[in-house]
Amino acid sequence: MDIIKVNTKRGLELKGALFENNRNDTVLIMLTGICSNVFQNELLYSTGELLSKNNISCIIAHAHDSFSCFAYSDLSKGKQAHAGVFNDDFNMVYEDVESYVKYAKFELGYKNVILAGHSLGSNKIIHYLGTTPDNYIDYFIVSSPVDIMHWWEVMPNIDKCYKMAKDWVDNGHGDDILPFLFGGFSPMCAKSVIGFYNADNLKNCPVLSKQGETKSLYNIKPCGAFIIGSKDSVTGESPKRFMEILNSWTKNPSRNRVIEVPDASHIFYGKHQQYAETILECIENHFCAALV
């Protein structure tokens, strides 16, 4: 694994991770979810390792400041824990994704670019794919996306977190990290909490809340796959049905695959290798079919 530096139009340097073994023409770019980076999310590392062993390069794409890794006290568990993301700028999602895509396509010279995402990373790639006028992406993989407004209703600490964040931002303390975990799982600075709530560009999976838009899904040009764990608690009573509805909003649903991973949670805890194998199978299946 090598650390890469990707420049954005606004001058911010994004830091990602590149898994590359016997290089061929294909690379997968994986946008991470919230509170996630390659150092503390085994799902990301397992995917990069397996793909590179099978001669498919993988870029773990950290957005904004998600490369940072720091320790904090988790009083509920009575020990120190580590987290990645605490500061993200959701207004810059398109630019961040585009920067990684162009880096892979033009600086590294990959011919085939696959764009993938996990959790909120999936919402980010849906936004990019549904907005871009370019045709740089050959295939997409959406896994464990989030209906943001439904998520906002069911996760713990949200109301308290939002009220405190708004007060801190109003009083000039938007860069400070809140004193408890956002949603019960993530340290986050106050301005990122407000930005998450107001991220209309990422409210593109409104299956449960009915609050958002579906145009981005309809505008996606390449074919792809939707992957979900059968025990994903963020997607309601039927995770697979959640994904089938998302696929039905695309322009050509019959071109895409919906895959359910048995007994897997939203973060695929204990199923990271199976998740990576599913990603690999999707890629191999697509490119074999494309050659027929």
C-alpha atoms as a PDB file:
ATOM      1  CA  MET A   1       0.000   0.000   0.000  1.00  0.00           C
ATOM      2  CA  ASP A   2       1.294   3.427  -0.978  1.00  0.00           C
ATOM      3  CA  ILE A   3       0.036   6.798   0.194  1.00  0.00           C
ATOM      4  CA  ILE A   4      -0.997   9.065  -2.680  1.00  0.00           C
ATOM      5  CA  LYS A   5      -1.647  12.805  -2.795  1.00  0.00           C
ATOM      6  CA  VAL A   6      -4.424  14.114  -5.024  1.00  0.00           C
ATOM      7  CA  ASN A   7      -4.852  17.821  -5.682  1.00  0.00           C
ATOM      8  CA  THR A   8      -8.284  19.448  -5.998  1.00  0.00           C
ATOM      9  CA  LYS A   9      -9.237  22.563  -7.952  1.00  0.00           C
ATOM     10  CA  ARG A  10      -9.638  24.507  -4.721  1.00  0.00           C
ATOM     11  CA  GLY A  11      -6.055  23.718  -3.738  1.00  0.00           C
ATOM     12  CA  LEU A  12      -6.760  21.148  -1.044  1.00  0.00           C
ATOM     13  CA  GLU A  13      -4.516  18.082  -1.116  1.00  0.00           C
ATOM     14  CA  LEU A  14      -6.439  14.861  -0.552  1.00  0.00           C
ATOM     15  CA  LYS A  15      -4.552  11.847   0.787  1.00  0.00           C
ATOM     16  CA  GLY A  16      -5.536   8.371  -0.307  1.00  0.00           C
ATOM     17  CA  ALA A  17      -4.123   4.864  -0.444  1.00  0.00           C
ATOM     18  CA  LEU A  18      -3.120   2.944  -3.577  1.00  0.00           C
ATOM     19  CA  PHE A  19      -2.990  -0.855  -3.668  1.00  0.00           C
ATOM     20  CA  GLU A  20      -1.127  -1.897  -6.796  1.00  0.00           C
ATOM     21  CA  ASN A  21       0.558  -5.218  -7.580  1.00  0.00           C
ATOM     22  CA  ASN A  22       0.994  -6.492 -11.140  1.00  0.00           C
ATOM     23  CA  ARG A  23      -0.657  -3.527 -12.757  1.00  0.00           C
ATOM     24  CA  ASN A  24      -3.090  -3.919 -15.637  1.00  0.00           C
ATOM     25  CA  ASP A  25      -5.543  -1.472 -17.214  1.00  0.00           C
ATOM     26  CA  THR A  26      -8.156  -1.490 -14.434  1.00  0.00           C
ATOM     27  CA  VAL A  27      -8.490   0.433 -11.181  1.00  0.00           C
ATOM     28  CA  LEU A  28     -11.277   0.630  -8.614  1.00  0.00           C
ATOM     29  CA  ILE A  29     -11.724   3.917  -6.737  1.00  0.00           C
ATOM     30  CA  MET A  30     -13.486   3.380  -3.399  1.00  0.00           C
ATOM     31  CA  LEU A  31     -15.038   6.422  -1.673  1.00  0.00           C
ATOM     32  CA  THR A  32     -15.077   5.886   2.069  1.00  0.00           C
ATOM     33  CA  GLY A  33     -18.028   6.323   4.402  1.00  0.00           C
ATOM     34  CA  ILE A  34     -18.246   8.740   7.289  1.00  0.00           C
ATOM     35  CA  CYS A  35     -15.783   8.095  10.145  1.00  0.00           C
ATOM     36  CA  SER A  36     -13.786   5.777   7.920  1.00  0.00           C
ATOM     37  CA  ASN A  37     -10.279   5.515   6.535  1.00  0.00           C
ATOM     38  CA  VAL A  38      -7.981   2.725   5.459  1.00  0.00           C
ATOM     39  CA  PHE A  39      -6.125   2.694   8.786  1.00  0.00           C
ATOM     40  CA  GLN A  40      -9.119   1.853  10.955  1.00  0.00           C
ATOM     41  CA  ASN A  41     -11.619   0.232   8.593  1.00  0.00           C
ATOM     42  CA  GLU A  42     -10.643  -3.338   7.770  1.00  0.00           C
ATOM     43  CA  LEU A  43     -13.293  -3.454   5.031  1.00  0.00           C
ATOM     44  CA  LEU A  44     -11.303  -0.948   2.981  1.00  0.00           C
ATOM     45  CA  TYR A  45      -7.942  -2.610   3.558  1.00  0.00           C
ATOM     46  CA  SER A  46      -9.301  -6.101   2.795  1.00  0.00           C
ATOM     47  CA  THR A  47     -10.785  -4.871  -0.483  1.00  0.00           C
ATOM     48  CA  GLY A  48      -7.572  -3.186  -1.592  1.00  0.00           C
ATOM     49  CA  GLU A  49      -5.460  -6.225  -0.694  1.00  0.00           C
ATOM     50  CA  LEU A  50      -7.676  -8.756  -2.487  1.00  0.00           C
ATOM     51  CA  LEU A  51      -8.069  -6.700  -5.646  1.00  0.00           C
ATOM     52  CA  SER A  52      -4.345  -5.987  -5.960  1.00  0.00           C
ATOM     53  CA  LYS A  53      -3.557  -9.689  -5.485  1.00  0.00           C
ATOM     54  CA  ASN A  54      -5.817 -10.305  -8.462  1.00  0.00           C
ATOM     55  CA  ASN A  55      -4.068  -7.628 -10.542  1.00  0.00           C
ATOM     56  CA  ILE A  56      -6.795  -5.011 -10.170  1.00  0.00           C
ATOM     57  CA  SER A  57      -5.482  -1.799  -8.630  1.00  0.00           C
ATOM     58  CA  CYS A  58      -7.487  -0.104  -5.891  1.00  0.00           C
ATOM     59  CA  ILE A  59      -7.501   3.489  -4.670  1.00  0.00           C
ATOM     60  CA  ILE A  60      -9.059   4.121  -1.260  1.00  0.00           C
ATOM     61  CA  ALA A  61     -10.320   7.676  -1.734  1.00  0.00           C
ATOM     62  CA  HIS A  62     -10.385   9.711   1.464  1.00  0.00           C
ATOM     63  CA  ALA A  63     -12.303  12.956   1.125  1.00  0.00           C
ATOM     64  CA  HIS A  64     -11.368  16.247   2.765  1.00  0.00           C
ATOM     65  CA  ASP A  65      -9.725  15.479   6.138  1.00  0.00           C
ATOM     66  CA  SER A  66     -10.752  11.832   6.474  1.00  0.00           C
ATOM     67  CA  PHE A  67      -7.123  10.730   6.212  1.00  0.00           C
ATOM     68  CA  SER A  68      -6.528  11.982   9.727  1.00  0.00           C
ATOM     69  CA  CYS A  69      -6.539   9.360  12.473  1.00  0.00           C
ATOM     70  CA  PHE A  70      -6.726  10.252  16.131  1.00  0.00           C
ATOM     71  CA  ALA A  71      -7.493   8.688  19.501  1.00  0.00           C
ATOM     72  CA  TYR A  72     -10.435   9.593  21.707  1.00  0.00           C
ATOM     73  CA  SER A  73     -11.932   8.258  24.931  1.00  0.00           C
ATOM     74  CA  ASP A  74     -14.992   6.065  24.413  1.00  0.00           C
ATOM     75  CA  LEU A  75     -16.564   6.182  27.866  1.00  0.00           C
ATOM     76  CA  SER A  76     -19.267   3.663  26.910  1.00  0.00           C
ATOM     77  CA  LYS A  77     -16.548   1.032  26.387  1.00  0.00           C
ATOM     78  CA  GLY A  78     -14.107   2.358  28.947  1.00  0.00           C
ATOM     79  CA  LYS A  79     -11.152   2.501  26.614  1.00  0.00           C
ATOM     80  CA  GLN A  80      -9.385   4.498  23.945  1.00  0.00           C
ATOM     81  CA  ALA A  81     -10.660   4.191  20.373  1.00  0.00           C
ATOM     82  CA  HIS A  82      -9.524   5.470  16.988  1.00  0.00           C
ATOM     83  CA  ALA A  83     -11.477   7.243  14.296  1.00  0.00           C
ATOM     84  CA  GLY A  84     -10.791   8.754  10.928  1.00  0.00           C
ATOM     85  CA  VAL A  85     -13.303  11.345   9.801  1.00  0.00           C
ATOM     86  CA  PHE A  86     -14.272  14.322  11.909  1.00  0.00           C
ATOM     87  CA  ASN A  87     -14.175  17.089   9.318  1.00  0.00           C
ATOM     88  CA  ASP A  88     -15.747  16.856   5.860  1.00  0.00           C
ATOM     89  CA  ASP A  89     -17.042  19.461   3.422  1.00  0.00           C
ATOM     90  CA  PHE A  90     -20.119  18.000   1.759  1.00  0.00           C
ATOM     91  CA  ASN A  91     -20.413  20.939  -0.624  1.00  0.00           C
ATOM     92  CA  MET A  92     -17.175  19.779  -2.248  1.00  0.00           C
ATOM     93  CA  VAL A  93     -18.191  16.154  -2.892  1.00  0.00           C
ATOM     94  CA  TYR A  94     -18.279  16.440  -6.689  1.00  0.00           C
ATOM     95  CA  GLU A  95     -14.861  18.094  -6.806  1.00  0.00           C
ATOM     96  CA  ASP A  96     -13.345  15.518  -4.464  1.00  0.00           C
ATOM     97  CA  VAL A  97     -14.635  12.533  -6.454  1.00  0.00           C
ATOM     98  CA  GLU A  98     -13.691  14.148  -9.776  1.00  0.00           C
ATOM     99  CA  SER A  99     -10.161  14.765  -8.503  1.00  0.00           C
ATOM    100  CA  TYR A 100      -9.623  11.064  -7.780  1.00  0.00           C
ATOM    101  CA  VAL A 101     -11.174  10.020 -11.097  1.00  0.00           C
ATOM    102  CA  LYS A 102      -8.954  12.360 -13.125  1.00  0.00           C
ATOM    103  CA  TYR A 103      -5.904  11.370 -11.067  1.00  0.00           C
ATOM    104  CA  ALA A 104      -6.485   7.686 -11.887  1.00  0.00           C
ATOM    105  CA  LYS A 105      -7.347   8.349 -15.524  1.00  0.00           C
ATOM    106  CA  PHE A 106      -4.783  10.941 -16.521  1.00  0.00           C
ATOM    107  CA  GLU A 107      -1.943  10.899 -13.983  1.00  0.00           C
ATOM    108  CA  LEU A 108      -1.780   7.142 -13.418  1.00  0.00           C
ATOM    109  CA  GLY A 109      -3.038   6.283 -16.912  1.00  0.00           C
ATOM    110  CA  TYR A 110      -5.640   3.630 -16.127  1.00  0.00           C
ATOM    111  CA  LYS A 111      -7.855   2.699 -19.052  1.00  0.00           C
ATOM    112  CA  ASN A 112     -10.767   1.191 -17.102  1.00  0.00           C
ATOM    113  CA  VAL A 113     -12.015   3.109 -14.061  1.00  0.00           C
ATOM    114  CA  ILE A 114     -14.551   1.585 -11.674  1.00  0.00           C
ATOM    115  CA  LEU A 115     -16.147   3.937  -9.155  1.00  0.00           C
ATOM    116  CA  ALA A 116     -17.319   2.434  -5.877  1.00  0.00           C
ATOM    117  CA  GLY A 117     -18.501   3.653  -2.516  1.00  0.00           C
ATOM    118  CA  HIS A 118     -19.418   2.310   0.896  1.00  0.00           C
ATOM    119  CA  SER A 119     -22.097   3.892   3.108  1.00  0.00           C
ATOM    120  CA  LEU A 120     -22.044   7.681   2.642  1.00  0.00           C
ATOM    121  CA  GLY A 121     -19.311   7.102   0.063  1.00  0.00           C
ATOM    122  CA  SER A 122     -22.012   5.511  -2.091  1.00  0.00           C
ATOM    123  CA  ASN A 123     -24.160   8.635  -1.867  1.00  0.00           C
ATOM    124  CA  LYS A 124     -21.104  10.599  -2.955  1.00  0.00           C
ATOM    125  CA  ILE A 125     -20.505   8.520  -6.070  1.00  0.00           C
ATOM    126  CA  ILE A 126     -24.221   8.605  -6.977  1.00  0.00           C
ATOM    127  CA  HIS A 127     -24.018  12.398  -6.851  1.00  0.00           C
ATOM    128  CA  TYR A 128     -20.930  12.421  -9.073  1.00  0.00           C
ATOM    129  CA  LEU A 129     -22.256   9.860 -11.562  1.00  0.00           C
ATOM    130  CA  GLY A 130     -25.606  11.602 -11.817  1.00  0.00           C
ATOM    131  CA  THR A 131     -24.032  15.001 -12.404  1.00  0.00           C
ATOM    132  CA  THR A 132     -20.869  14.568 -14.458  1.00  0.00           C
ATOM    133  CA  PRO A 133     -20.909  15.311 -18.202  1.00  0.00           C
ATOM    134  CA  ASP A 134     -17.814  13.115 -18.615  1.00  0.00           C
ATOM    135  CA  ASN A 135     -17.670   9.437 -19.549  1.00  0.00           C
ATOM    136  CA  TYR A 136     -14.639   8.388 -17.517  1.00  0.00           C
ATOM    137  CA  ILE A 137     -16.366   5.636 -15.510  1.00  0.00           C
ATOM    138  CA  ASP A 138     -16.758   2.135 -16.948  1.00  0.00           C
ATOM    139  CA  TYR A 139     -18.663   0.521 -14.067  1.00  0.00           C
ATOM    140  CA  PHE A 140     -20.023   1.485 -10.636  1.00  0.00           C
ATOM    141  CA  ILE A 141     -20.491  -0.362  -7.337  1.00  0.00           C
ATOM    142  CA  VAL A 142     -22.846   1.126  -4.748  1.00  0.00           C
ATOM    143  CA  SER A 143     -22.704  -0.601  -1.344  1.00  0.00           C
ATOM    144  CA  SER A 144     -24.649   0.172   1.838  1.00  0.00           C
ATOM    145  CA  PRO A 145     -25.883   3.640   0.783  1.00  0.00           C
ATOM    146  CA  VAL A 146     -27.751   5.839   3.255  1.00  0.00           C
ATOM    147  CA  ASP A 147     -31.178   7.449   3.155  1.00  0.00           C
ATOM    148  CA  ILE A 148     -29.837  10.464   5.021  1.00  0.00           C
ATOM    149  CA  MET A 149     -33.084  11.810   6.452  1.00  0.00           C
ATOM    150  CA  HIS A 150     -34.134   8.338   7.636  1.00  0.00           C
ATOM    151  CA  TRP A 151     -30.666   7.903   9.129  1.00  0.00           C
ATOM    152  CA  TRP A 152     -31.126  11.214  10.910  1.00  0.00           C
ATOM    153  CA  GLU A 153     -34.305   9.908  12.520  1.00  0.00           C
ATOM    154  CA  VAL A 154     -33.033   6.563  13.827  1.00  0.00           C
ATOM    155  CA  MET A 155     -29.440   7.138  14.997  1.00  0.00           C
ATOM    156  CA  PRO A 156     -28.771   8.018  18.671  1.00  0.00           C
ATOM    157  CA  ASN A 157     -27.658  11.454  19.935  1.00  0.00           C
ATOM    158  CA  ILE A 158     -28.790  13.188  16.744  1.00  0.00           C
ATOM    159  CA  ASP A 159     -31.095  15.868  18.153  1.00  0.00           C
ATOM    160  CA  LYS A 160     -28.698  16.741  20.979  1.00  0.00           C
ATOM    161  CA  CYS A 161     -25.793  16.709  18.549  1.00  0.00           C
ATOM    162  CA  TYR A 162     -27.514  18.981  16.033  1.00  0.00           C
ATOM    163  CA  LYS A 163     -28.613  21.531  18.657  1.00  0.00           C
ATOM    164  CA  MET A 164     -25.142  21.749  20.168  1.00  0.00           C
ATOM    165  CA  ALA A 165     -23.478  21.924  16.736  1.00  0.00           C
ATOM    166  CA  LYS A 166     -25.742  24.771  15.628  1.00  0.00           C
ATOM    167  CA  ASP A 167     -25.008  26.692  18.800  1.00  0.00           C
ATOM    168  CA  TRP A 168     -21.259  26.185  18.403  1.00  0.00           C
ATOM    169  CA  VAL A 169     -21.293  27.230  14.738  1.00  0.00           C
ATOM    170  CA  ASP A 170     -23.383  30.308  15.550  1.00  0.00           C
ATOM    171  CA  ASN A 171     -20.821  31.252  18.186  1.00  0.00           C
ATOM    172  CA  GLY A 172     -17.747  30.765  16.019  1.00  0.00           C
ATOM    173  CA  HIS A 173     -16.714  27.313  17.221  1.00  0.00           C
ATOM    174  CA  GLY A 174     -17.552  25.304  14.102  1.00  0.00           C
ATOM    175  CA  ASP A 175     -14.111  23.670  13.922  1.00  0.00           C
ATOM    176  CA  ASP A 176     -14.342  22.226  17.442  1.00  0.00           C
ATOM    177  CA  ILE A 177     -15.164  18.539  17.905  1.00  0.00           C
ATOM    178  CA  LEU A 178     -18.359  17.814  19.833  1.00  0.00           C
ATOM    179  CA  PRO A 179     -17.899  16.157  23.254  1.00  0.00           C
ATOM    180  CA  PHE A 180     -19.923  13.043  22.355  1.00  0.00           C
ATOM    181  CA  LEU A 181     -20.140  10.740  19.351  1.00  0.00           C
ATOM    182  CA  PHE A 182     -22.270  11.864  16.420  1.00  0.00           C
ATOM    183  CA  GLY A 183     -24.895   9.184  15.813  1.00  0.00           C
ATOM    184  CA  GLY A 184     -23.340   7.164  18.601  1.00  0.00           C
ATOM    185  CA  PHE A 185     -20.288   6.196  16.539  1.00  0.00           C
ATOM    186  CA  SER A 186     -18.314   9.146  15.159  1.00  0.00           C
ATOM    187  CA  PRO A 187     -16.404  12.112  16.564  1.00  0.00           C
ATOM    188  CA  MET A 188     -17.287  15.106  14.410  1.00  0.00           C
ATOM    189  CA  CYS A 189     -16.686  18.822  14.390  1.00  0.00           C
ATOM    190  CA  ALA A 190     -19.710  21.088  14.696  1.00  0.00           C
ATOM    191  CA  LYS A 191     -19.668  22.507  11.152  1.00  0.00           C
ATOM    192  CA  SER A 192     -19.544  19.007   9.637  1.00  0.00           C
ATOM    193  CA  VAL A 193     -22.656  18.021  11.605  1.00  0.00           C
ATOM    194  CA  ILE A 194     -24.562  20.980  10.173  1.00  0.00           C
ATOM    195  CA  GLY A 195     -23.142  20.304   6.721  1.00  0.00           C
ATOM    196  CA  PHE A 196     -24.282  16.681   6.880  1.00  0.00           C
ATOM    197  CA  TYR A 197     -27.830  17.691   7.769  1.00  0.00           C
ATOM    198  CA  ASN A 198     -27.931  20.237   4.933  1.00  0.00           C
ATOM    199  CA  ALA A 199     -26.251  18.009   2.314  1.00  0.00           C
ATOM    200  CA  ASP A 200     -29.061  18.047  -0.259  1.00  0.00           C
ATOM    201  CA  ASN A 201     -26.601  16.775  -2.896  1.00  0.00           C
ATOM    202  CA  LEU A 202     -26.333  13.499  -0.943  1.00  0.00           C
ATOM    203  CA  LYS A 203     -30.050  12.961  -0.295  1.00  0.00           C
ATOM    204  CA  ASN A 204     -30.228  10.730  -3.352  1.00  0.00           C
ATOM    205  CA  CYS A 205     -31.474   7.467  -1.777  1.00  0.00           C
ATOM    206  CA  PRO A 206     -34.870   8.542  -0.326  1.00  0.00           C
ATOM    207  CA  VAL A 207     -36.414   5.061  -0.133  1.00  0.00           C
ATOM    208  CA  LEU A 208     -37.697   5.291   3.444  1.00  0.00           C
ATOM    209  CA  SER A 209     -37.890   9.011   4.227  1.00  0.00           C
ATOM    210  CA  LYS A 210     -39.237  10.092   0.816  1.00  0.00           C
ATOM    211  CA  GLN A 211     -37.120  13.229   1.331  1.00  0.00           C
ATOM    212  CA  GLY A 212     -34.646  13.771  -1.465  1.00  0.00           C
ATOM    213  CA  GLU A 213     -34.212  13.288  -5.196  1.00  0.00           C
ATOM    214  CA  THR A 214     -33.907  10.315  -7.562  1.00  0.00           C
ATOM    215  CA  LYS A 215     -32.723  12.201 -10.641  1.00  0.00           C
ATOM    216  CA  SER A 216     -29.079  11.408  -9.882  1.00  0.00           C
ATOM    217  CA  LEU A 217     -29.743   7.662 -10.019  1.00  0.00           C
ATOM    218  CA  TYR A 218     -31.660   8.051 -13.269  1.00  0.00           C
ATOM    219  CA  ASN A 219     -28.811  10.031 -14.841  1.00  0.00           C
ATOM    220  CA  ILE A 220     -26.135   7.393 -14.164  1.00  0.00           C
ATOM    221  CA  LYS A 221     -24.723   6.306 -17.530  1.00  0.00           C
ATOM    222  CA  PRO A 222     -22.618   3.159 -16.902  1.00  0.00           C
ATOM    223  CA  CYS A 223     -24.058  -0.114 -15.619  1.00  0.00           C
ATOM    224  CA  GLY A 224     -23.130  -1.370 -12.185  1.00  0.00           C
ATOM    225  CA  ALA A 225     -23.971  -3.273  -9.015  1.00  0.00           C
ATOM    226  CA  PHE A 226     -25.810  -2.572  -5.752  1.00  0.00           C
ATOM    227  CA  ILE A 227     -24.433  -4.524  -2.748  1.00  0.00           C
ATOM    228  CA  ILE A 228     -26.100  -4.728   0.663  1.00  0.00           C
ATOM    229  CA  GLY A 229     -25.810  -6.836   3.808  1.00  0.00           C
ATOM    230  CA  SER A 230     -28.936  -8.791   4.744  1.00  0.00           C
ATOM    231  CA  LYS A 231     -28.714  -7.360   8.276  1.00  0.00           C
ATOM    232  CA  ASP A 232     -28.080  -3.719   7.329  1.00  0.00           C
ATOM    233  CA  SER A 233     -30.021  -1.919  10.060  1.00  0.00           C
ATOM    234  CA  VAL A 234     -29.892   1.444   8.266  1.00  0.00           C
ATOM    235  CA  THR A 235     -32.076   0.316   5.358  1.00  0.00           C
ATOM    236  CA  GLY A 236     -35.290  -0.713   7.112  1.00  0.00           C
ATOM    237  CA  GLU A 237     -36.864  -4.157   7.365  1.00  0.00           C
ATOM    238  CA  SER A 238     -35.771  -5.376   3.916  1.00  0.00           C
ATOM    239  CA  PRO A 239     -32.256  -4.280   2.901  1.00  0.00           C
ATOM    240  CA  LYS A 240     -32.441  -6.088  -0.434  1.00  0.00           C
ATOM    241  CA  ARG A 241     -35.751  -4.423  -1.275  1.00  0.00           C
ATOM    242  CA  PHE A 242     -34.155  -1.074  -0.379  1.00  0.00           C
ATOM    243  CA  MET A 243     -31.508  -1.696  -3.044  1.00  0.00           C
ATOM    244  CA  GLU A 244     -34.015  -2.994  -5.580  1.00  0.00           C
ATOM    245  CA  ILE A 245     -35.945   0.251  -5.271  1.00  0.00           C
ATOM    246  CA  LEU A 246     -32.761   2.265  -5.834  1.00  0.00           C
ATOM    247  CA  ASN A 247     -32.023   0.204  -8.916  1.00  0.00           C
ATOM    248  CA  SER A 248     -35.578   0.733 -10.188  1.00  0.00           C
ATOM    249  CA  TRP A 249     -34.857   4.477 -10.257  1.00  0.00           C
ATOM    250  CA  THR A 250     -31.951   4.023 -12.668  1.00  0.00           C
ATOM    251  CA  LYS A 251     -32.494   4.416 -16.401  1.00  0.00           C
ATOM    252  CA  ASN A 252     -31.835   0.761 -17.248  1.00  0.00           C
ATOM    253  CA  PRO A 253     -32.376  -1.434 -14.137  1.00  0.00           C
ATOM    254  CA  SER A 254     -31.994  -4.695 -16.083  1.00  0.00           C
ATOM    255  CA  ARG A 255     -28.345  -3.811 -16.814  1.00  0.00           C
ATOM    256  CA  ASN A 256     -27.462  -3.684 -13.119  1.00  0.00           C
ATOM    257  CA  ARG A 257     -27.095  -6.318 -10.401  1.00  0.00           C
ATOM    258  CA  VAL A 258     -28.519  -6.305  -6.866  1.00  0.00           C
ATOM    259  CA  ILE A 259     -26.491  -8.501  -4.512  1.00  0.00           C
ATOM    260  CA  GLU A 260     -27.312  -9.341  -0.903  1.00  0.00           C
ATOM    261  CA  VAL A 261     -24.517 -10.624   1.343  1.00  0.00           C
ATOM    262  CA  PRO A 262     -26.030 -13.025   3.915  1.00  0.00           C
ATOM    263  CA  ASP A 263     -25.799 -12.105   7.611  1.00  0.00           C
ATOM    264  CA  ALA A 264     -23.755  -8.961   6.896  1.00  0.00           C
ATOM    265  CA  SER A 265     -24.331  -5.670   8.718  1.00  0.00           C
ATOM    266  CA  HIS A 266     -24.029  -2.117   7.397  1.00  0.00           C
ATOM    267  CA  ILE A 267     -20.282  -2.134   7.988  1.00  0.00           C
ATOM    268  CA  PHE A 268     -19.886  -5.842   7.100  1.00  0.00           C
ATOM    269  CA  TYR A 269     -18.389  -6.553  10.517  1.00  0.00           C
ATOM    270  CA  GLY A 270     -16.800 -10.021  10.437  1.00  0.00           C
ATOM    271  CA  LYS A 271     -17.604 -10.210   6.719  1.00  0.00           C
ATOM    272  CA  HIS A 272     -14.883  -7.972   5.287  1.00  0.00           C
ATOM    273  CA  GLN A 273     -13.303 -10.726   3.225  1.00  0.00           C
ATOM    274  CA  GLN A 274     -16.684 -11.744   1.845  1.00  0.00           C
ATOM    275  CA  TYR A 275     -17.361  -8.106   0.956  1.00  0.00           C
ATOM    276  CA  ALA A 276     -14.034  -7.888  -0.876  1.00  0.00           C
ATOM    277  CA  GLU A 277     -14.738 -11.142  -2.721  1.00  0.00           C
ATOM    278  CA  THR A 278     -18.132  -9.782  -3.805  1.00  0.00           C
ATOM    279  CA  ILE A 279     -16.473  -6.642  -5.185  1.00  0.00           C
ATOM    280  CA  LEU A 280     -13.935  -8.771  -7.065  1.00  0.00           C
ATOM    281  CA  GLU A 281     -16.643 -11.019  -8.508  1.00  0.00           C
ATOM    282  CA  CYS A 282     -18.616  -7.993  -9.723  1.00  0.00           C
ATOM    283  CA  ILE A 283     -15.577  -6.623 -11.556  1.00  0.00           C
ATOM    284  CA  GLU A 284     -14.598  -9.942 -13.112  1.00  0.00           C
ATOM    285  CA  ASN A 285     -18.181 -10.663 -14.127  1.00  0.00           C
ATOM    286  CA  HIS A 286     -18.589  -7.265 -15.765  1.00  0.00           C
ATOM    287  CA  PHE A 287     -15.409  -7.318 -17.790  1.00  0.00           C
ATOM    288  CA  CYS A 288     -15.842 -10.961 -18.842  1.00  0.00           C
ATOM    289  CA  ALA A 289     -19.366 -10.147 -20.012  1.00  0.00           C
ATOM    290  CA  ALA A 290     -18.093  -7.055 -21.840  1.00  0.00           C
ATOM    291  CA  LEU A 291     -15.685  -9.229 -23.840  1.00  0.00           C
ATOM    292  CA  VAL A 292     -18.407 -11.645 -24.995  1.00  0.00           C
END
